[in-house]
Amino acid sequence: MTNARGPSNERLDETTGGDGCVCSIGNAAEHYVTGILGLVVTLIIGVQAYPWLQPIAGTTTYLGSTWLVFTFAAIWLVCWIALELAWEWRAGRVHLL
């Protein structure tokens, strides 16, 4: 590793896996399935909440549709993360407490 003072003999050891790391994906198919399930849940929530969201978005004439898109994207992200954590917890790869 080289820094501003010159070469160094220090070596960065990266740990892979372990109980504390939740960033590694064991199987990409699981990640994709939770993303698709999160999208389905978002669509179900969106159909139910759209009559409530439309008047709120209608108050701003120019940014109403943008607000709706960001709202649905945020709902999808929250659903995806929740499903991903639930899947990993159920598989025993994540210890929440």
N, C-alpha and C. Protein backbone atom coordinates (compact mmCIF):
# COMPACT_ATOMS: atom_id res chain seq x y z
N MET A 1 0.84 -1.17 0.00
CA MET A 1 0.00 0.00 0.00
C MET A 1 0.88 1.23 0.00
N THR A 2 0.52 2.22 -0.81
CA THR A 2 1.29 3.44 -0.91
C THR A 2 0.48 4.59 -0.35
N ASN A 3 1.11 5.40 0.46
CA ASN A 3 0.44 6.58 0.96
C ASN A 3 1.28 7.80 0.63
N ALA A 4 0.93 8.96 1.17
CA ALA A 4 1.62 10.21 0.85
C ALA A 4 3.06 10.20 1.33
N ARG A 5 3.39 9.40 2.33
CA ARG A 5 4.75 9.37 2.88
C ARG A 5 5.63 8.34 2.18
N GLY A 6 5.06 7.56 1.30
CA GLY A 6 5.85 6.56 0.61
C GLY A 6 5.25 5.18 0.79
N PRO A 7 5.94 4.17 0.27
CA PRO A 7 5.41 2.82 0.37
C PRO A 7 5.38 2.34 1.81
N SER A 8 4.44 1.49 2.06
CA SER A 8 4.27 0.97 3.41
C SER A 8 4.22 -0.55 3.34
N ASN A 9 4.67 -1.17 4.38
CA ASN A 9 4.61 -2.62 4.46
C ASN A 9 3.33 -3.12 5.10
N GLU A 10 2.45 -2.17 5.47
CA GLU A 10 1.18 -2.56 6.07
C GLU A 10 0.30 -3.21 5.02
N ARG A 11 -0.42 -4.17 5.47
CA ARG A 11 -1.30 -4.89 4.57
C ARG A 11 -2.71 -4.85 5.13
N LEU A 12 -3.66 -4.52 4.28
CA LEU A 12 -5.05 -4.49 4.72
C LEU A 12 -5.64 -5.87 4.52
N ASP A 13 -6.05 -6.47 5.59
CA ASP A 13 -6.68 -7.77 5.52
C ASP A 13 -8.19 -7.57 5.57
N GLU A 14 -8.86 -8.00 4.52
CA GLU A 14 -10.31 -7.90 4.49
C GLU A 14 -10.90 -9.22 4.97
N THR A 15 -11.83 -9.11 5.85
CA THR A 15 -12.49 -10.30 6.34
C THR A 15 -13.72 -10.56 5.49
N THR A 16 -13.88 -11.79 5.11
CA THR A 16 -15.05 -12.16 4.33
C THR A 16 -15.92 -13.06 5.19
N GLY A 17 -17.19 -12.83 5.10
CA GLY A 17 -18.13 -13.63 5.87
C GLY A 17 -18.13 -13.21 7.33
N GLY A 18 -18.40 -14.13 8.19
CA GLY A 18 -18.44 -13.85 9.61
C GLY A 18 -19.84 -13.49 10.06
N ASP A 19 -20.02 -13.51 11.36
CA ASP A 19 -21.35 -13.22 11.90
C ASP A 19 -21.70 -11.74 11.83
N GLY A 20 -20.71 -10.86 11.89
CA GLY A 20 -21.00 -9.43 11.93
C GLY A 20 -21.25 -8.81 10.57
N CYS A 21 -20.91 -9.48 9.49
CA CYS A 21 -21.03 -8.90 8.16
C CYS A 21 -22.36 -9.29 7.53
N VAL A 22 -23.15 -8.29 7.18
CA VAL A 22 -24.41 -8.56 6.51
C VAL A 22 -24.37 -8.05 5.07
N CYS A 23 -23.19 -7.64 4.59
CA CYS A 23 -23.10 -7.03 3.28
C CYS A 23 -22.88 -8.04 2.17
N SER A 24 -22.42 -9.23 2.47
CA SER A 24 -22.18 -10.21 1.42
C SER A 24 -23.46 -10.95 1.08
N ILE A 25 -23.63 -11.21 -0.19
CA ILE A 25 -24.82 -11.90 -0.67
C ILE A 25 -24.43 -13.33 -0.95
N GLY A 26 -25.09 -14.26 -0.27
CA GLY A 26 -24.77 -15.66 -0.47
C GLY A 26 -25.21 -16.18 -1.82
N ASN A 27 -26.39 -15.81 -2.23
CA ASN A 27 -26.94 -16.28 -3.48
C ASN A 27 -27.65 -15.11 -4.15
N ALA A 28 -27.26 -14.80 -5.38
CA ALA A 28 -27.85 -13.65 -6.07
C ALA A 28 -29.34 -13.87 -6.35
N ALA A 29 -29.74 -15.12 -6.54
CA ALA A 29 -31.15 -15.40 -6.82
C ALA A 29 -32.03 -14.98 -5.64
N GLU A 30 -31.55 -15.19 -4.42
CA GLU A 30 -32.31 -14.76 -3.24
C GLU A 30 -32.48 -13.24 -3.24
N HIS A 31 -31.45 -12.53 -3.61
CA HIS A 31 -31.50 -11.07 -3.66
C HIS A 31 -32.53 -10.61 -4.70
N TYR A 32 -32.53 -11.24 -5.86
CA TYR A 32 -33.47 -10.88 -6.91
C TYR A 32 -34.90 -11.22 -6.53
N VAL A 33 -35.09 -12.36 -5.88
CA VAL A 33 -36.44 -12.76 -5.47
C VAL A 33 -37.00 -11.77 -4.46
N THR A 34 -36.19 -11.34 -3.50
CA THR A 34 -36.68 -10.38 -2.52
C THR A 34 -36.96 -9.03 -3.17
N GLY A 35 -36.20 -8.66 -4.18
CA GLY A 35 -36.47 -7.42 -4.90
C GLY A 35 -37.80 -7.48 -5.65
N ILE A 36 -38.07 -8.61 -6.29
CA ILE A 36 -39.33 -8.78 -7.02
C ILE A 36 -40.50 -8.84 -6.04
N LEU A 37 -40.33 -9.55 -4.93
CA LEU A 37 -41.39 -9.59 -3.92
C LEU A 37 -41.64 -8.20 -3.33
N GLY A 38 -40.58 -7.43 -3.14
CA GLY A 38 -40.74 -6.07 -2.65
C GLY A 38 -41.51 -5.21 -3.65
N LEU A 39 -41.27 -5.42 -4.95
CA LEU A 39 -42.01 -4.69 -5.97
C LEU A 39 -43.48 -5.08 -5.97
N VAL A 40 -43.77 -6.36 -5.80
CA VAL A 40 -45.16 -6.82 -5.75
C VAL A 40 -45.87 -6.21 -4.54
N VAL A 41 -45.20 -6.22 -3.39
CA VAL A 41 -45.80 -5.62 -2.18
C VAL A 41 -46.01 -4.13 -2.40
N THR A 42 -45.08 -3.46 -3.06
CA THR A 42 -45.22 -2.04 -3.35
C THR A 42 -46.41 -1.78 -4.26
N LEU A 43 -46.61 -2.61 -5.25
CA LEU A 43 -47.76 -2.44 -6.14
C LEU A 43 -49.07 -2.64 -5.39
N ILE A 44 -49.11 -3.62 -4.50
CA ILE A 44 -50.32 -3.86 -3.71
C ILE A 44 -50.60 -2.66 -2.80
N ILE A 45 -49.55 -2.17 -2.12
CA ILE A 45 -49.71 -1.01 -1.25
C ILE A 45 -50.08 0.21 -2.09
N GLY A 46 -49.46 0.36 -3.26
CA GLY A 46 -49.71 1.51 -4.11
C GLY A 46 -51.13 1.57 -4.62
N VAL A 47 -51.70 0.42 -4.98
CA VAL A 47 -53.09 0.39 -5.44
C VAL A 47 -54.03 0.79 -4.31
N GLN A 48 -53.73 0.34 -3.11
CA GLN A 48 -54.57 0.67 -1.97
C GLN A 48 -54.41 2.13 -1.54
N ALA A 49 -53.21 2.68 -1.64
CA ALA A 49 -52.93 4.03 -1.14
C ALA A 49 -53.06 5.11 -2.21
N TYR A 50 -53.22 4.75 -3.48
CA TYR A 50 -53.24 5.75 -4.54
C TYR A 50 -54.36 6.78 -4.39
N PRO A 51 -55.59 6.37 -4.03
CA PRO A 51 -56.62 7.40 -3.84
C PRO A 51 -56.28 8.42 -2.75
N TRP A 52 -55.50 8.01 -1.76
CA TRP A 52 -55.07 8.91 -0.70
C TRP A 52 -53.88 9.78 -1.14
N LEU A 53 -52.98 9.19 -1.97
CA LEU A 53 -51.80 9.92 -2.40
C LEU A 53 -52.08 10.94 -3.51
N GLN A 54 -53.06 10.68 -4.33
CA GLN A 54 -53.34 11.55 -5.48
C GLN A 54 -53.73 12.97 -5.06
N PRO A 55 -54.62 13.18 -4.10
CA PRO A 55 -54.91 14.56 -3.70
C PRO A 55 -53.71 15.29 -3.10
N ILE A 56 -52.85 14.56 -2.41
CA ILE A 56 -51.65 15.18 -1.85
C ILE A 56 -50.72 15.62 -2.98
N ALA A 57 -50.57 14.76 -4.00
CA ALA A 57 -49.71 15.11 -5.13
C ALA A 57 -50.33 16.21 -5.98
N GLY A 58 -51.65 16.32 -5.97
CA GLY A 58 -52.32 17.34 -6.78
C GLY A 58 -52.15 18.74 -6.25
N THR A 59 -51.72 18.90 -5.01
CA THR A 59 -51.54 20.24 -4.46
C THR A 59 -50.35 20.96 -5.09
N THR A 60 -49.37 20.22 -5.56
CA THR A 60 -48.22 20.80 -6.26
C THR A 60 -48.38 20.47 -7.74
N THR A 61 -48.58 21.47 -8.57
CA THR A 61 -48.90 21.22 -9.97
C THR A 61 -47.73 20.64 -10.75
N TYR A 62 -46.52 21.10 -10.48
CA TYR A 62 -45.39 20.65 -11.28
C TYR A 62 -44.67 19.43 -10.70
N LEU A 63 -44.68 19.30 -9.41
CA LEU A 63 -43.91 18.23 -8.77
C LEU A 63 -44.77 17.07 -8.27
N GLY A 64 -46.03 17.05 -8.61
CA GLY A 64 -46.93 16.00 -8.12
C GLY A 64 -46.53 14.62 -8.59
N SER A 65 -46.24 14.47 -9.88
CA SER A 65 -45.87 13.15 -10.39
C SER A 65 -44.50 12.73 -9.88
N THR A 66 -43.60 13.69 -9.73
CA THR A 66 -42.28 13.38 -9.18
C THR A 66 -42.41 12.90 -7.74
N TRP A 67 -43.27 13.55 -6.98
CA TRP A 67 -43.51 13.14 -5.59
C TRP A 67 -44.05 11.72 -5.53
N LEU A 68 -44.97 11.37 -6.44
CA LEU A 68 -45.51 10.01 -6.47
C LEU A 68 -44.44 8.98 -6.81
N VAL A 69 -43.59 9.29 -7.78
CA VAL A 69 -42.52 8.36 -8.16
C VAL A 69 -41.56 8.14 -7.00
N PHE A 70 -41.14 9.20 -6.34
CA PHE A 70 -40.23 9.06 -5.21
C PHE A 70 -40.89 8.33 -4.04
N THR A 71 -42.18 8.54 -3.85
CA THR A 71 -42.89 7.83 -2.79
C THR A 71 -42.91 6.34 -3.05
N PHE A 72 -43.24 5.96 -4.29
CA PHE A 72 -43.28 4.54 -4.62
C PHE A 72 -41.88 3.92 -4.59
N ALA A 73 -40.87 4.67 -5.01
CA ALA A 73 -39.50 4.16 -4.94
C ALA A 73 -39.07 3.95 -3.48
N ALA A 74 -39.45 4.86 -2.60
CA ALA A 74 -39.11 4.71 -1.18
C ALA A 74 -39.83 3.52 -0.56
N ILE A 75 -41.10 3.34 -0.94
CA ILE A 75 -41.85 2.18 -0.43
C ILE A 75 -41.20 0.89 -0.90
N TRP A 76 -40.79 0.84 -2.18
CA TRP A 76 -40.15 -0.36 -2.72
C TRP A 76 -38.83 -0.64 -1.99
N LEU A 77 -38.05 0.40 -1.75
CA LEU A 77 -36.78 0.22 -1.07
C LEU A 77 -36.97 -0.31 0.35
N VAL A 78 -37.92 0.25 1.07
CA VAL A 78 -38.19 -0.20 2.44
C VAL A 78 -38.68 -1.65 2.44
N CYS A 79 -39.59 -1.98 1.52
CA CYS A 79 -40.09 -3.36 1.43
C CYS A 79 -38.97 -4.32 1.07
N TRP A 80 -38.12 -3.93 0.13
CA TRP A 80 -37.03 -4.80 -0.30
C TRP A 80 -36.06 -5.06 0.85
N ILE A 81 -35.69 -4.01 1.57
CA ILE A 81 -34.76 -4.18 2.69
C ILE A 81 -35.39 -5.04 3.79
N ALA A 82 -36.66 -4.81 4.07
CA ALA A 82 -37.33 -5.60 5.12
C ALA A 82 -37.41 -7.07 4.72
N LEU A 83 -37.76 -7.35 3.47
CA LEU A 83 -37.82 -8.73 3.02
C LEU A 83 -36.44 -9.38 2.99
N GLU A 84 -35.44 -8.62 2.58
CA GLU A 84 -34.07 -9.14 2.55
C GLU A 84 -33.59 -9.51 3.96
N LEU A 85 -33.84 -8.62 4.91
CA LEU A 85 -33.45 -8.91 6.29
C LEU A 85 -34.23 -10.09 6.86
N ALA A 86 -35.52 -10.17 6.56
CA ALA A 86 -36.32 -11.30 7.04
C ALA A 86 -35.82 -12.60 6.45
N TRP A 87 -35.48 -12.60 5.16
CA TRP A 87 -34.98 -13.81 4.49
C TRP A 87 -33.66 -14.25 5.12
N GLU A 88 -32.74 -13.30 5.29
CA GLU A 88 -31.44 -13.64 5.85
C GLU A 88 -31.54 -14.06 7.31
N TRP A 89 -32.43 -13.44 8.06
CA TRP A 89 -32.64 -13.83 9.46
C TRP A 89 -33.21 -15.24 9.53
N ARG A 90 -34.17 -15.54 8.65
CA ARG A 90 -34.78 -16.87 8.63
C ARG A 90 -33.77 -17.93 8.23
N ALA A 91 -32.84 -17.57 7.35
CA ALA A 91 -31.80 -18.51 6.92
C ALA A 91 -30.70 -18.66 7.97
N GLY A 92 -30.70 -17.81 9.00
CA GLY A 92 -29.71 -17.92 10.06
C GLY A 92 -28.41 -17.22 9.76
N ARG A 93 -28.38 -16.36 8.74
CA ARG A 93 -27.14 -15.67 8.38
C ARG A 93 -27.03 -14.30 9.01
N VAL A 94 -28.11 -13.80 9.61
CA VAL A 94 -28.09 -12.48 10.24
C VAL A 94 -28.63 -12.65 11.65
N HIS A 95 -27.91 -12.08 12.61
CA HIS A 95 -28.35 -12.09 13.99
C HIS A 95 -28.70 -10.66 14.38
N LEU A 96 -29.97 -10.39 14.53
CA LEU A 96 -30.43 -9.01 14.74
C LEU A 96 -30.10 -8.50 16.13
N LEU A 97 -30.10 -9.35 17.13
CA LEU A 97 -29.80 -8.89 18.47
C LEU A 97 -28.68 -9.66 19.07
